[in-house]
Amino acid sequence: MELTPRQEIILGIVKREGPITGDRIAERLSLNKATLRPDLTLLTMMGLLEARPRVGYIYSGKSLDQLINRRLHQVRVGEVQSVPVVVAENTVVYDAVVTMFLEDVGTLFVVGQGGLLEGVVSRKDLLKAALGGHDLHRLPVGVIMTRMPNVFTTTPEESVWAAAKRIVTHEVDALPVVQPATGPDGAGGLKVTGRFSKTNIARLFVELGERA
C-alpha cells in the first residue's frame, strides 16, 4: 500500500522530532488532532510508527518491505491452508480428471488407508496420460502419480514464506500439508490435513494489502 502525501509528511516529522505527541504533529501541519487520528492509527498499525503512552510517537525505523517480510515469516501454513482434495491410488484417470475439474484444483493428493499420503498427481500428469493414448477409464492414477518419498510437503507449523519458496523452487502447483501419523497396519506415514497452493499465497497477499 502506498502512503498518502500527508502520511509521508507525518513520518518525516516523527523521524526528525520523535518522540513527539499527536498534538505537536497536528500543530506542525496546522490541523486538529482528530483530523490526523486516522493517519496516525494506520501508520501505527502498519508498524511504521510506535505509540508510547505519555511519550508520543516514535519512528520504528522499519520499511514497508521489512514489515511485509516479517509478516510472511510470522504467518503459518496452518492459518491459510485449504481443504485437501484427495483420491485413492486405484482411482482411474478419467475420474481424477473429473474431480480436478469439479474441485477447480491443479493437483490431487493420493492417499491410502488412514488418509496417509502415497503420492500426488498433477494436471501435467493427467495430460500426458491423455495424450499418450491410454484408456483413461482403466488406467489408475497410481501408475502415473509421483510417489512418496519424492513428494514435496509442508506442515501447519511451517512459515508461509518457507512453503511458498518450496513451491517456486520446485515449480509445483500445491503442497500437501501433512502431520506424522500411524496407519491401520501400524506403519508410520504422513497424514494429509490440508492443502497449500499458489492460490493461498495470492489470497494472503490480497489480505495483507487490505489490512494495510
N, C-alpha and C. Protein backbone atom coordinates (compact mmCIF):
# COMPACT_ATOMS: atom_id res chain seq x y z
N MET A 1 0.85 -1.20 0.00
CA MET A 1 0.00 0.00 0.00
C MET A 1 0.88 1.24 0.00
N GLU A 2 0.56 2.22 -0.85
CA GLU A 2 1.31 3.47 -0.90
C GLU A 2 0.76 4.44 0.15
N LEU A 3 1.67 5.18 0.76
CA LEU A 3 1.26 6.17 1.75
C LEU A 3 0.79 7.43 1.04
N THR A 4 -0.12 8.15 1.67
CA THR A 4 -0.57 9.42 1.13
C THR A 4 0.50 10.48 1.41
N PRO A 5 0.48 11.60 0.67
CA PRO A 5 1.46 12.67 0.92
C PRO A 5 1.46 13.13 2.38
N ARG A 6 0.27 13.21 2.99
CA ARG A 6 0.22 13.65 4.40
C ARG A 6 0.87 12.63 5.32
N GLN A 7 0.64 11.34 5.03
CA GLN A 7 1.26 10.31 5.86
C GLN A 7 2.77 10.32 5.73
N GLU A 8 3.27 10.60 4.53
CA GLU A 8 4.72 10.72 4.32
C GLU A 8 5.28 11.89 5.13
N ILE A 9 4.53 12.99 5.15
CA ILE A 9 4.96 14.17 5.92
C ILE A 9 4.99 13.84 7.41
N ILE A 10 3.97 13.12 7.88
CA ILE A 10 3.92 12.74 9.30
C ILE A 10 5.13 11.88 9.65
N LEU A 11 5.45 10.92 8.80
CA LEU A 11 6.63 10.08 9.04
C LEU A 11 7.89 10.93 9.13
N GLY A 12 8.00 11.91 8.23
CA GLY A 12 9.18 12.78 8.24
C GLY A 12 9.29 13.57 9.53
N ILE A 13 8.15 14.07 10.02
CA ILE A 13 8.15 14.84 11.26
C ILE A 13 8.59 13.97 12.44
N VAL A 14 8.03 12.76 12.50
CA VAL A 14 8.37 11.87 13.61
C VAL A 14 9.83 11.43 13.53
N LYS A 15 10.35 11.21 12.33
CA LYS A 15 11.76 10.86 12.16
C LYS A 15 12.66 11.95 12.73
N ARG A 16 12.32 13.19 12.42
CA ARG A 16 13.18 14.31 12.83
C ARG A 16 13.00 14.68 14.29
N GLU A 17 11.77 14.62 14.79
CA GLU A 17 11.48 15.21 16.09
C GLU A 17 11.00 14.21 17.14
N GLY A 18 10.85 12.95 16.77
CA GLY A 18 10.33 11.97 17.73
C GLY A 18 11.25 11.75 18.91
N PRO A 19 10.72 11.38 20.09
CA PRO A 19 9.27 11.20 20.30
C PRO A 19 8.52 12.53 20.29
N ILE A 20 7.34 12.49 19.68
CA ILE A 20 6.53 13.69 19.55
C ILE A 20 5.06 13.31 19.70
N THR A 21 4.31 14.15 20.37
CA THR A 21 2.90 13.86 20.62
C THR A 21 2.05 14.15 19.40
N GLY A 22 0.84 13.58 19.39
CA GLY A 22 -0.09 13.82 18.30
C GLY A 22 -0.46 15.29 18.21
N ASP A 23 -0.56 15.96 19.37
CA ASP A 23 -0.90 17.39 19.36
C ASP A 23 0.18 18.20 18.67
N ARG A 24 1.45 17.86 18.93
CA ARG A 24 2.56 18.60 18.31
C ARG A 24 2.60 18.36 16.80
N ILE A 25 2.31 17.13 16.40
CA ILE A 25 2.28 16.82 14.97
C ILE A 25 1.18 17.64 14.30
N ALA A 26 0.02 17.70 14.96
CA ALA A 26 -1.11 18.46 14.41
C ALA A 26 -0.74 19.94 14.28
N GLU A 27 -0.01 20.47 15.26
CA GLU A 27 0.42 21.87 15.20
C GLU A 27 1.33 22.10 14.00
N ARG A 28 2.25 21.17 13.76
CA ARG A 28 3.18 21.31 12.64
C ARG A 28 2.44 21.38 11.30
N LEU A 29 1.30 20.68 11.23
CA LEU A 29 0.54 20.63 9.99
C LEU A 29 -0.63 21.60 9.95
N SER A 30 -0.77 22.37 11.02
CA SER A 30 -1.89 23.34 11.13
C SER A 30 -3.23 22.64 10.98
N LEU A 31 -3.34 21.47 11.63
CA LEU A 31 -4.57 20.70 11.62
C LEU A 31 -4.93 20.34 13.05
N ASN A 32 -6.17 19.87 13.26
CA ASN A 32 -6.50 19.40 14.60
C ASN A 32 -6.19 17.91 14.71
N LYS A 33 -6.02 17.44 15.94
CA LYS A 33 -5.59 16.06 16.17
C LYS A 33 -6.61 15.06 15.64
N ALA A 34 -7.90 15.39 15.71
CA ALA A 34 -8.94 14.48 15.24
C ALA A 34 -8.78 14.19 13.75
N THR A 35 -8.35 15.21 13.00
CA THR A 35 -8.16 15.02 11.56
C THR A 35 -7.02 14.06 11.28
N LEU A 36 -5.99 14.09 12.13
CA LEU A 36 -4.81 13.24 11.92
C LEU A 36 -4.97 11.84 12.50
N ARG A 37 -5.96 11.65 13.37
CA ARG A 37 -6.07 10.37 14.07
C ARG A 37 -6.09 9.16 13.12
N PRO A 38 -6.87 9.17 12.02
CA PRO A 38 -6.85 8.00 11.13
C PRO A 38 -5.46 7.72 10.54
N ASP A 39 -4.73 8.79 10.21
CA ASP A 39 -3.38 8.61 9.65
C ASP A 39 -2.44 8.03 10.70
N LEU A 40 -2.50 8.54 11.90
CA LEU A 40 -1.62 8.06 12.97
C LEU A 40 -1.95 6.61 13.34
N THR A 41 -3.24 6.31 13.35
CA THR A 41 -3.66 4.93 13.65
C THR A 41 -3.15 3.97 12.59
N LEU A 42 -3.29 4.34 11.32
CA LEU A 42 -2.85 3.50 10.22
C LEU A 42 -1.34 3.28 10.25
N LEU A 43 -0.58 4.35 10.45
CA LEU A 43 0.88 4.25 10.48
C LEU A 43 1.35 3.39 11.65
N THR A 44 0.61 3.45 12.74
CA THR A 44 0.95 2.63 13.91
C THR A 44 0.62 1.17 13.65
N MET A 45 -0.56 0.91 13.06
CA MET A 45 -0.97 -0.46 12.75
C MET A 45 -0.02 -1.11 11.74
N MET A 46 0.50 -0.31 10.83
CA MET A 46 1.43 -0.82 9.82
C MET A 46 2.81 -1.10 10.41
N GLY A 47 3.05 -0.57 11.61
CA GLY A 47 4.35 -0.80 12.25
C GLY A 47 5.39 0.25 11.91
N LEU A 48 5.01 1.28 11.15
CA LEU A 48 5.96 2.33 10.78
C LEU A 48 6.20 3.29 11.94
N LEU A 49 5.20 3.45 12.80
CA LEU A 49 5.33 4.27 14.00
C LEU A 49 5.01 3.43 15.22
N GLU A 50 5.58 3.82 16.35
CA GLU A 50 5.25 3.21 17.64
C GLU A 50 4.64 4.30 18.52
N ALA A 51 3.51 3.98 19.14
CA ALA A 51 2.83 4.93 20.02
C ALA A 51 3.10 4.54 21.47
N ARG A 52 3.72 5.43 22.22
CA ARG A 52 4.05 5.15 23.61
C ARG A 52 3.29 6.11 24.53
N PRO A 53 2.54 5.55 25.49
CA PRO A 53 1.76 6.40 26.41
C PRO A 53 2.63 7.44 27.11
N ARG A 54 2.12 8.65 27.18
CA ARG A 54 2.78 9.78 27.86
C ARG A 54 4.13 10.15 27.25
N VAL A 55 4.44 9.57 26.13
CA VAL A 55 5.70 9.90 25.45
C VAL A 55 5.43 10.46 24.06
N GLY A 56 4.60 9.75 23.30
CA GLY A 56 4.27 10.20 21.96
C GLY A 56 4.62 9.17 20.92
N TYR A 57 4.79 9.63 19.70
CA TYR A 57 5.06 8.73 18.58
C TYR A 57 6.56 8.68 18.29
N ILE A 58 7.02 7.46 17.98
CA ILE A 58 8.42 7.22 17.66
C ILE A 58 8.49 6.48 16.34
N TYR A 59 9.43 6.87 15.50
CA TYR A 59 9.61 6.19 14.22
C TYR A 59 10.26 4.83 14.47
N SER A 60 9.68 3.78 13.89
CA SER A 60 10.17 2.42 14.15
C SER A 60 11.46 2.10 13.40
N GLY A 61 11.72 2.84 12.33
CA GLY A 61 12.91 2.58 11.53
C GLY A 61 12.74 1.44 10.55
N LYS A 62 11.51 0.93 10.44
CA LYS A 62 11.26 -0.20 9.55
C LYS A 62 10.58 0.28 8.27
N SER A 63 11.01 -0.32 7.15
CA SER A 63 10.40 0.00 5.86
C SER A 63 9.19 -0.91 5.63
N LEU A 64 8.37 -0.55 4.66
CA LEU A 64 7.23 -1.39 4.31
C LEU A 64 7.69 -2.78 3.87
N ASP A 65 8.79 -2.84 3.13
CA ASP A 65 9.31 -4.14 2.68
C ASP A 65 9.71 -5.01 3.87
N GLN A 66 10.34 -4.39 4.86
CA GLN A 66 10.75 -5.13 6.06
C GLN A 66 9.54 -5.65 6.81
N LEU A 67 8.50 -4.84 6.89
CA LEU A 67 7.30 -5.25 7.62
C LEU A 67 6.57 -6.39 6.92
N ILE A 68 6.50 -6.32 5.58
CA ILE A 68 5.86 -7.40 4.83
C ILE A 68 6.67 -8.68 4.98
N ASN A 69 8.01 -8.55 4.91
CA ASN A 69 8.88 -9.72 5.07
C ASN A 69 8.67 -10.38 6.43
N ARG A 70 8.59 -9.56 7.47
CA ARG A 70 8.39 -10.10 8.81
C ARG A 70 7.05 -10.81 8.93
N ARG A 71 6.02 -10.22 8.32
CA ARG A 71 4.69 -10.82 8.41
C ARG A 71 4.64 -12.17 7.71
N LEU A 72 5.30 -12.28 6.54
CA LEU A 72 5.29 -13.53 5.80
C LEU A 72 6.04 -14.63 6.56
N HIS A 73 7.01 -14.24 7.37
CA HIS A 73 7.71 -15.22 8.18
C HIS A 73 6.91 -15.58 9.44
N GLN A 74 6.00 -14.70 9.84
CA GLN A 74 5.21 -14.96 11.04
C GLN A 74 4.00 -15.83 10.76
N VAL A 75 3.37 -15.65 9.59
CA VAL A 75 2.15 -16.40 9.27
C VAL A 75 2.51 -17.87 9.03
N ARG A 76 1.74 -18.76 9.62
CA ARG A 76 1.97 -20.19 9.47
C ARG A 76 1.03 -20.79 8.42
N VAL A 77 1.51 -21.85 7.80
CA VAL A 77 0.73 -22.51 6.75
C VAL A 77 -0.65 -22.90 7.27
N GLY A 78 -0.71 -23.36 8.51
CA GLY A 78 -1.98 -23.79 9.08
C GLY A 78 -3.03 -22.69 9.16
N GLU A 79 -2.59 -21.42 9.12
CA GLU A 79 -3.52 -20.30 9.20
C GLU A 79 -4.19 -20.01 7.86
N VAL A 80 -3.58 -20.44 6.76
CA VAL A 80 -4.11 -20.08 5.43
C VAL A 80 -4.40 -21.28 4.54
N GLN A 81 -4.12 -22.49 5.00
CA GLN A 81 -4.29 -23.67 4.17
C GLN A 81 -5.75 -23.91 3.79
N SER A 82 -5.94 -24.69 2.70
CA SER A 82 -7.27 -25.04 2.22
C SER A 82 -7.56 -26.51 2.52
N VAL A 83 -8.80 -26.90 2.24
CA VAL A 83 -9.19 -28.29 2.41
C VAL A 83 -8.53 -29.12 1.30
N PRO A 84 -7.90 -30.23 1.61
CA PRO A 84 -7.24 -31.03 0.58
C PRO A 84 -8.24 -31.78 -0.30
N VAL A 85 -7.89 -31.95 -1.55
CA VAL A 85 -8.70 -32.74 -2.48
C VAL A 85 -7.93 -34.03 -2.72
N VAL A 86 -8.50 -35.16 -2.29
CA VAL A 86 -7.76 -36.43 -2.33
C VAL A 86 -8.50 -37.47 -3.16
N VAL A 87 -7.72 -38.42 -3.68
CA VAL A 87 -8.26 -39.58 -4.39
C VAL A 87 -7.47 -40.80 -3.95
N ALA A 88 -8.02 -41.96 -4.21
CA ALA A 88 -7.33 -43.21 -3.89
C ALA A 88 -6.43 -43.61 -5.06
N GLU A 89 -5.45 -44.46 -4.77
CA GLU A 89 -4.49 -44.87 -5.79
C GLU A 89 -5.16 -45.62 -6.94
N ASN A 90 -6.26 -46.32 -6.67
CA ASN A 90 -6.93 -47.09 -7.73
C ASN A 90 -7.97 -46.28 -8.49
N THR A 91 -8.07 -44.98 -8.20
CA THR A 91 -8.98 -44.10 -8.96
C THR A 91 -8.49 -44.03 -10.40
N VAL A 92 -9.38 -44.22 -11.35
CA VAL A 92 -8.95 -44.17 -12.75
C VAL A 92 -8.74 -42.71 -13.17
N VAL A 93 -7.90 -42.55 -14.18
CA VAL A 93 -7.52 -41.21 -14.63
C VAL A 93 -8.74 -40.38 -15.04
N TYR A 94 -9.71 -41.01 -15.69
CA TYR A 94 -10.91 -40.26 -16.11
C TYR A 94 -11.60 -39.63 -14.90
N ASP A 95 -11.79 -40.41 -13.84
CA ASP A 95 -12.44 -39.89 -12.65
C ASP A 95 -11.59 -38.81 -11.97
N ALA A 96 -10.27 -38.96 -12.05
CA ALA A 96 -9.38 -37.96 -11.47
C ALA A 96 -9.51 -36.63 -12.22
N VAL A 97 -9.62 -36.71 -13.53
CA VAL A 97 -9.80 -35.50 -14.34
C VAL A 97 -11.11 -34.80 -13.95
N VAL A 98 -12.17 -35.58 -13.80
CA VAL A 98 -13.46 -35.01 -13.42
C VAL A 98 -13.37 -34.36 -12.04
N THR A 99 -12.72 -35.03 -11.11
CA THR A 99 -12.56 -34.48 -9.76
C THR A 99 -11.78 -33.17 -9.79
N MET A 100 -10.69 -33.15 -10.56
CA MET A 100 -9.88 -31.94 -10.66
C MET A 100 -10.69 -30.79 -11.24
N PHE A 101 -11.53 -31.09 -12.24
CA PHE A 101 -12.36 -30.06 -12.87
C PHE A 101 -13.42 -29.54 -11.89
N LEU A 102 -14.10 -30.45 -11.23
CA LEU A 102 -15.18 -30.05 -10.32
C LEU A 102 -14.66 -29.29 -9.11
N GLU A 103 -13.48 -29.68 -8.61
CA GLU A 103 -12.92 -29.03 -7.42
C GLU A 103 -12.08 -27.81 -7.77
N ASP A 104 -11.82 -27.60 -9.06
CA ASP A 104 -11.05 -26.45 -9.55
C ASP A 104 -9.67 -26.38 -8.88
N VAL A 105 -8.94 -27.48 -8.96
CA VAL A 105 -7.59 -27.53 -8.41
C VAL A 105 -6.63 -28.02 -9.49
N GLY A 106 -5.34 -27.83 -9.26
CA GLY A 106 -4.35 -28.26 -10.24
C GLY A 106 -3.59 -29.49 -9.82
N THR A 107 -3.80 -29.94 -8.58
CA THR A 107 -3.10 -31.11 -8.07
C THR A 107 -4.03 -31.90 -7.16
N LEU A 108 -3.99 -33.22 -7.30
CA LEU A 108 -4.74 -34.11 -6.42
C LEU A 108 -3.76 -34.87 -5.55
N PHE A 109 -4.11 -35.06 -4.29
CA PHE A 109 -3.27 -35.83 -3.38
C PHE A 109 -3.81 -37.26 -3.32
N VAL A 110 -2.94 -38.20 -3.49
CA VAL A 110 -3.33 -39.61 -3.49
C VAL A 110 -3.06 -40.18 -2.11
N VAL A 111 -4.10 -40.73 -1.48
CA VAL A 111 -3.96 -41.22 -0.11
C VAL A 111 -4.40 -42.68 -0.03
N GLY A 112 -3.87 -43.35 0.99
CA GLY A 112 -4.24 -44.73 1.24
C GLY A 112 -5.08 -44.83 2.50
N GLN A 113 -5.04 -45.97 3.16
CA GLN A 113 -5.82 -46.17 4.38
C GLN A 113 -5.35 -45.20 5.45
N GLY A 114 -6.33 -44.66 6.18
CA GLY A 114 -5.99 -43.72 7.24
C GLY A 114 -5.64 -42.34 6.74
N GLY A 115 -5.82 -42.11 5.44
CA GLY A 115 -5.52 -40.80 4.89
C GLY A 115 -4.05 -40.51 4.75
N LEU A 116 -3.21 -41.57 4.77
CA LEU A 116 -1.77 -41.38 4.65
C LEU A 116 -1.39 -41.08 3.20
N LEU A 117 -0.48 -40.14 3.05
CA LEU A 117 -0.08 -39.69 1.72
C LEU A 117 0.72 -40.77 0.98
N GLU A 118 0.30 -41.06 -0.26
CA GLU A 118 1.01 -42.02 -1.09
C GLU A 118 1.65 -41.37 -2.30
N GLY A 119 1.07 -40.24 -2.74
CA GLY A 119 1.64 -39.55 -3.89
C GLY A 119 0.79 -38.36 -4.30
N VAL A 120 1.18 -37.72 -5.39
CA VAL A 120 0.41 -36.60 -5.93
C VAL A 120 0.29 -36.79 -7.44
N VAL A 121 -0.78 -36.27 -8.00
CA VAL A 121 -0.97 -36.30 -9.44
C VAL A 121 -1.36 -34.90 -9.89
N SER A 122 -0.68 -34.39 -10.90
CA SER A 122 -0.88 -33.02 -11.35
C SER A 122 -1.61 -32.96 -12.68
N ARG A 123 -1.96 -31.75 -13.12
CA ARG A 123 -2.57 -31.56 -14.43
C ARG A 123 -1.67 -32.13 -15.53
N LYS A 124 -0.37 -31.87 -15.36
CA LYS A 124 0.59 -32.34 -16.37
C LYS A 124 0.59 -33.86 -16.46
N ASP A 125 0.50 -34.53 -15.31
CA ASP A 125 0.46 -36.00 -15.31
C ASP A 125 -0.76 -36.51 -16.06
N LEU A 126 -1.90 -35.89 -15.79
CA LEU A 126 -3.14 -36.32 -16.43
C LEU A 126 -3.13 -36.02 -17.93
N LEU A 127 -2.55 -34.88 -18.29
CA LEU A 127 -2.48 -34.51 -19.70
C LEU A 127 -1.58 -35.48 -20.47
N LYS A 128 -0.45 -35.85 -19.86
CA LYS A 128 0.45 -36.81 -20.50
C LYS A 128 -0.25 -38.15 -20.73
N ALA A 129 -1.03 -38.57 -19.75
CA ALA A 129 -1.75 -39.84 -19.87
C ALA A 129 -2.77 -39.77 -21.00
N ALA A 130 -3.45 -38.63 -21.11
CA ALA A 130 -4.46 -38.46 -22.15
C ALA A 130 -3.82 -38.43 -23.54
N LEU A 131 -2.70 -37.72 -23.67
CA LEU A 131 -2.03 -37.61 -24.97
C LEU A 131 -1.29 -38.88 -25.34
N GLY A 132 -1.03 -39.72 -24.34
CA GLY A 132 -0.29 -40.95 -24.60
C GLY A 132 -1.15 -42.07 -25.15
N GLY A 133 -2.42 -41.80 -25.32
CA GLY A 133 -3.30 -42.81 -25.92
C GLY A 133 -3.77 -43.88 -24.96
N HIS A 134 -3.64 -43.65 -23.66
CA HIS A 134 -4.06 -44.64 -22.67
C HIS A 134 -5.59 -44.65 -22.55
N ASP A 135 -6.11 -45.76 -22.09
CA ASP A 135 -7.54 -45.85 -21.81
C ASP A 135 -7.78 -45.21 -20.44
N LEU A 136 -8.30 -43.99 -20.45
CA LEU A 136 -8.45 -43.22 -19.21
C LEU A 136 -9.47 -43.83 -18.25
N HIS A 137 -10.31 -44.72 -18.79
CA HIS A 137 -11.32 -45.37 -17.95
C HIS A 137 -10.75 -46.60 -17.25
N ARG A 138 -9.52 -46.98 -17.61
CA ARG A 138 -8.92 -48.17 -17.00
C ARG A 138 -7.61 -47.86 -16.26
N LEU A 139 -6.91 -46.84 -16.70
CA LEU A 139 -5.60 -46.52 -16.12
C LEU A 139 -5.76 -45.88 -14.74
N PRO A 140 -5.20 -46.49 -13.68
CA PRO A 140 -5.30 -45.90 -12.33
C PRO A 140 -4.26 -44.80 -12.13
N VAL A 141 -4.58 -43.84 -11.31
CA VAL A 141 -3.64 -42.73 -11.08
C VAL A 141 -2.36 -43.22 -10.41
N GLY A 142 -2.42 -44.37 -9.75
CA GLY A 142 -1.23 -44.91 -9.10
C GLY A 142 -0.10 -45.18 -10.07
N VAL A 143 -0.45 -45.37 -11.35
CA VAL A 143 0.57 -45.66 -12.37
C VAL A 143 1.30 -44.39 -12.79
N ILE A 144 0.63 -43.24 -12.76
CA ILE A 144 1.22 -42.01 -13.29
C ILE A 144 1.59 -41.00 -12.22
N MET A 145 1.24 -41.24 -10.98
CA MET A 145 1.49 -40.25 -9.92
C MET A 145 2.96 -40.22 -9.52
N THR A 146 3.35 -39.12 -8.87
CA THR A 146 4.66 -39.02 -8.23
C THR A 146 4.52 -39.64 -6.85
N ARG A 147 5.33 -40.63 -6.57
CA ARG A 147 5.18 -41.38 -5.32
C ARG A 147 6.04 -40.83 -4.20
N MET A 148 5.60 -41.11 -2.98
CA MET A 148 6.44 -40.87 -1.82
C MET A 148 7.67 -41.76 -1.93
N PRO A 149 8.86 -41.30 -1.52
CA PRO A 149 9.10 -40.05 -0.79
C PRO A 149 9.47 -38.88 -1.68
N ASN A 150 9.16 -38.97 -2.98
CA ASN A 150 9.54 -37.91 -3.92
C ASN A 150 8.48 -36.81 -4.03
N VAL A 151 7.76 -36.58 -2.94
CA VAL A 151 6.71 -35.56 -2.91
C VAL A 151 7.13 -34.45 -1.96
N PHE A 152 7.02 -33.21 -2.42
CA PHE A 152 7.35 -32.06 -1.58
C PHE A 152 6.14 -31.72 -0.72
N THR A 153 6.37 -31.57 0.57
CA THR A 153 5.27 -31.34 1.52
C THR A 153 5.56 -30.13 2.40
N THR A 154 4.58 -29.77 3.18
CA THR A 154 4.75 -28.73 4.20
C THR A 154 3.97 -29.17 5.43
N THR A 155 4.08 -28.39 6.50
CA THR A 155 3.38 -28.69 7.74
C THR A 155 2.61 -27.46 8.21
N PRO A 156 1.63 -27.64 9.10
CA PRO A 156 0.87 -26.48 9.59
C PRO A 156 1.74 -25.46 10.31
N GLU A 157 2.86 -25.93 10.88
CA GLU A 157 3.71 -25.05 11.68
C GLU A 157 4.73 -24.27 10.84
N GLU A 158 4.92 -24.67 9.59
CA GLU A 158 5.93 -24.02 8.76
C GLU A 158 5.46 -22.62 8.35
N SER A 159 6.41 -21.70 8.16
CA SER A 159 6.06 -20.35 7.74
C SER A 159 5.58 -20.36 6.30
N VAL A 160 4.68 -19.43 5.99
CA VAL A 160 4.18 -19.29 4.63
C VAL A 160 5.34 -19.00 3.68
N TRP A 161 6.28 -18.19 4.13
CA TRP A 161 7.43 -17.85 3.29
C TRP A 161 8.21 -19.09 2.88
N ALA A 162 8.50 -19.97 3.84
CA ALA A 162 9.28 -21.17 3.55
C ALA A 162 8.53 -22.10 2.59
N ALA A 163 7.22 -22.25 2.83
CA ALA A 163 6.42 -23.12 1.96
C ALA A 163 6.29 -22.53 0.56
N ALA A 164 6.11 -21.21 0.47
CA ALA A 164 6.00 -20.55 -0.83
C ALA A 164 7.30 -20.69 -1.61
N LYS A 165 8.42 -20.57 -0.91
CA LYS A 165 9.71 -20.71 -1.57
C LYS A 165 9.87 -22.12 -2.14
N ARG A 166 9.36 -23.12 -1.44
CA ARG A 166 9.44 -24.50 -1.93
C ARG A 166 8.59 -24.67 -3.20
N ILE A 167 7.42 -24.05 -3.23
CA ILE A 167 6.58 -24.11 -4.42
C ILE A 167 7.29 -23.50 -5.62
N VAL A 168 7.93 -22.36 -5.41
CA VAL A 168 8.64 -21.68 -6.51
C VAL A 168 9.86 -22.48 -6.94
N THR A 169 10.63 -22.96 -5.97
CA THR A 169 11.87 -23.68 -6.28
C THR A 169 11.62 -24.95 -7.08
N HIS A 170 10.57 -25.68 -6.69
CA HIS A 170 10.31 -26.96 -7.33
C HIS A 170 9.23 -26.88 -8.41
N GLU A 171 8.73 -25.66 -8.65
CA GLU A 171 7.76 -25.41 -9.73
C GLU A 171 6.56 -26.35 -9.66
N VAL A 172 5.94 -26.40 -8.48
CA VAL A 172 4.73 -27.20 -8.30
C VAL A 172 3.56 -26.27 -8.02
N ASP A 173 2.36 -26.80 -8.21
CA ASP A 173 1.14 -26.00 -8.04
C ASP A 173 0.72 -25.91 -6.57
N ALA A 174 0.95 -26.99 -5.82
CA ALA A 174 0.50 -27.04 -4.44
C ALA A 174 1.32 -28.04 -3.64
N LEU A 175 1.29 -27.86 -2.32
CA LEU A 175 1.96 -28.79 -1.41
C LEU A 175 0.92 -29.41 -0.48
N PRO A 176 0.99 -30.72 -0.25
CA PRO A 176 0.12 -31.30 0.77
C PRO A 176 0.61 -30.88 2.16
N VAL A 177 -0.32 -30.48 3.00
CA VAL A 177 0.01 -30.15 4.39
C VAL A 177 -0.13 -31.45 5.18
N VAL A 178 0.93 -31.86 5.84
CA VAL A 178 0.94 -33.19 6.46
C VAL A 178 1.37 -33.14 7.92
N GLN A 179 1.02 -34.18 8.63
CA GLN A 179 1.45 -34.40 10.01
C GLN A 179 1.77 -35.88 10.18
N PRO A 180 2.76 -36.21 11.02
CA PRO A 180 3.09 -37.62 11.24
C PRO A 180 1.90 -38.39 11.78
N ALA A 181 1.72 -39.60 11.29
CA ALA A 181 0.58 -40.43 11.72
C ALA A 181 0.94 -41.90 11.54
N THR A 182 0.12 -42.75 12.13
CA THR A 182 0.30 -44.20 12.02
C THR A 182 -0.89 -44.79 11.28
N GLY A 183 -0.62 -45.61 10.29
CA GLY A 183 -1.68 -46.23 9.51
C GLY A 183 -2.32 -47.39 10.22
N PRO A 184 -3.39 -47.96 9.67
CA PRO A 184 -4.09 -49.10 10.28
C PRO A 184 -3.19 -50.31 10.48
N ASP A 185 -2.15 -50.43 9.65
CA ASP A 185 -1.25 -51.58 9.78
C ASP A 185 -0.12 -51.32 10.77
N GLY A 186 -0.16 -50.15 11.41
CA GLY A 186 0.86 -49.82 12.39
C GLY A 186 2.09 -49.13 11.82
N ALA A 187 2.15 -49.01 10.51
CA ALA A 187 3.29 -48.36 9.87
C ALA A 187 3.15 -46.84 9.95
N GLY A 188 4.27 -46.17 10.09
CA GLY A 188 4.25 -44.72 10.16
C GLY A 188 4.13 -44.09 8.80
N GLY A 189 3.63 -42.89 8.76
CA GLY A 189 3.49 -42.18 7.50
C GLY A 189 3.12 -40.74 7.74
N LEU A 190 2.62 -40.08 6.72
CA LEU A 190 2.21 -38.68 6.81
C LEU A 190 0.74 -38.56 6.43
N LYS A 191 -0.04 -38.03 7.34
CA LYS A 191 -1.48 -37.86 7.11
C LYS A 191 -1.72 -36.48 6.48
N VAL A 192 -2.49 -36.47 5.41
CA VAL A 192 -2.80 -35.22 4.73
C VAL A 192 -3.89 -34.48 5.51
N THR A 193 -3.57 -33.26 5.95
CA THR A 193 -4.52 -32.47 6.73
C THR A 193 -4.93 -31.17 6.04
N GLY A 194 -4.26 -30.85 4.93
CA GLY A 194 -4.58 -29.61 4.25
C GLY A 194 -3.89 -29.48 2.92
N ARG A 195 -4.07 -28.33 2.33
CA ARG A 195 -3.51 -28.04 1.01
C ARG A 195 -2.99 -26.61 1.01
N PHE A 196 -1.75 -26.41 0.57
CA PHE A 196 -1.17 -25.07 0.46
C PHE A 196 -0.78 -24.85 -0.99
N SER A 197 -1.41 -23.87 -1.63
CA SER A 197 -1.23 -23.68 -3.07
C SER A 197 -0.90 -22.23 -3.41
N LYS A 198 -0.66 -22.01 -4.70
CA LYS A 198 -0.41 -20.65 -5.19
C LYS A 198 -1.60 -19.74 -4.90
N THR A 199 -2.78 -20.32 -4.91
CA THR A 199 -3.98 -19.53 -4.61
C THR A 199 -3.96 -19.03 -3.17
N ASN A 200 -3.53 -19.88 -2.23
CA ASN A 200 -3.43 -19.46 -0.84
C ASN A 200 -2.44 -18.30 -0.68
N ILE A 201 -1.35 -18.37 -1.43
CA ILE A 201 -0.34 -17.31 -1.37
C ILE A 201 -0.92 -16.00 -1.90
N ALA A 202 -1.59 -16.07 -3.05
CA ALA A 202 -2.19 -14.87 -3.64
C ALA A 202 -3.24 -14.27 -2.72
N ARG A 203 -4.05 -15.14 -2.10
CA ARG A 203 -5.09 -14.66 -1.20
C ARG A 203 -4.49 -13.95 0.01
N LEU A 204 -3.39 -14.48 0.53
CA LEU A 204 -2.73 -13.86 1.67
C LEU A 204 -2.20 -12.48 1.32
N PHE A 205 -1.61 -12.33 0.13
CA PHE A 205 -1.10 -11.04 -0.28
C PHE A 205 -2.23 -10.02 -0.40
N VAL A 206 -3.38 -10.45 -0.91
CA VAL A 206 -4.53 -9.56 -1.02
C VAL A 206 -4.98 -9.11 0.38
N GLU A 207 -5.05 -10.05 1.31
CA GLU A 207 -5.48 -9.73 2.67
C GLU A 207 -4.50 -8.79 3.36
N LEU A 208 -3.19 -9.01 3.14
CA LEU A 208 -2.20 -8.12 3.73
C LEU A 208 -2.33 -6.71 3.18
N GLY A 209 -2.62 -6.63 1.86
CA GLY A 209 -2.80 -5.33 1.26
C GLY A 209 -4.03 -4.62 1.78
N GLU A 210 -5.11 -5.37 2.00
CA GLU A 210 -6.34 -4.76 2.51
C GLU A 210 -6.17 -4.29 3.95
N ARG A 211 -5.41 -5.07 4.75
CA ARG A 211 -5.18 -4.66 6.15
C ARG A 211 -4.34 -3.40 6.22
N ALA A 212 -3.39 -3.31 5.27
CA ALA A 212 -2.52 -2.14 5.27
C ALA A 212 -3.29 -0.88 4.90
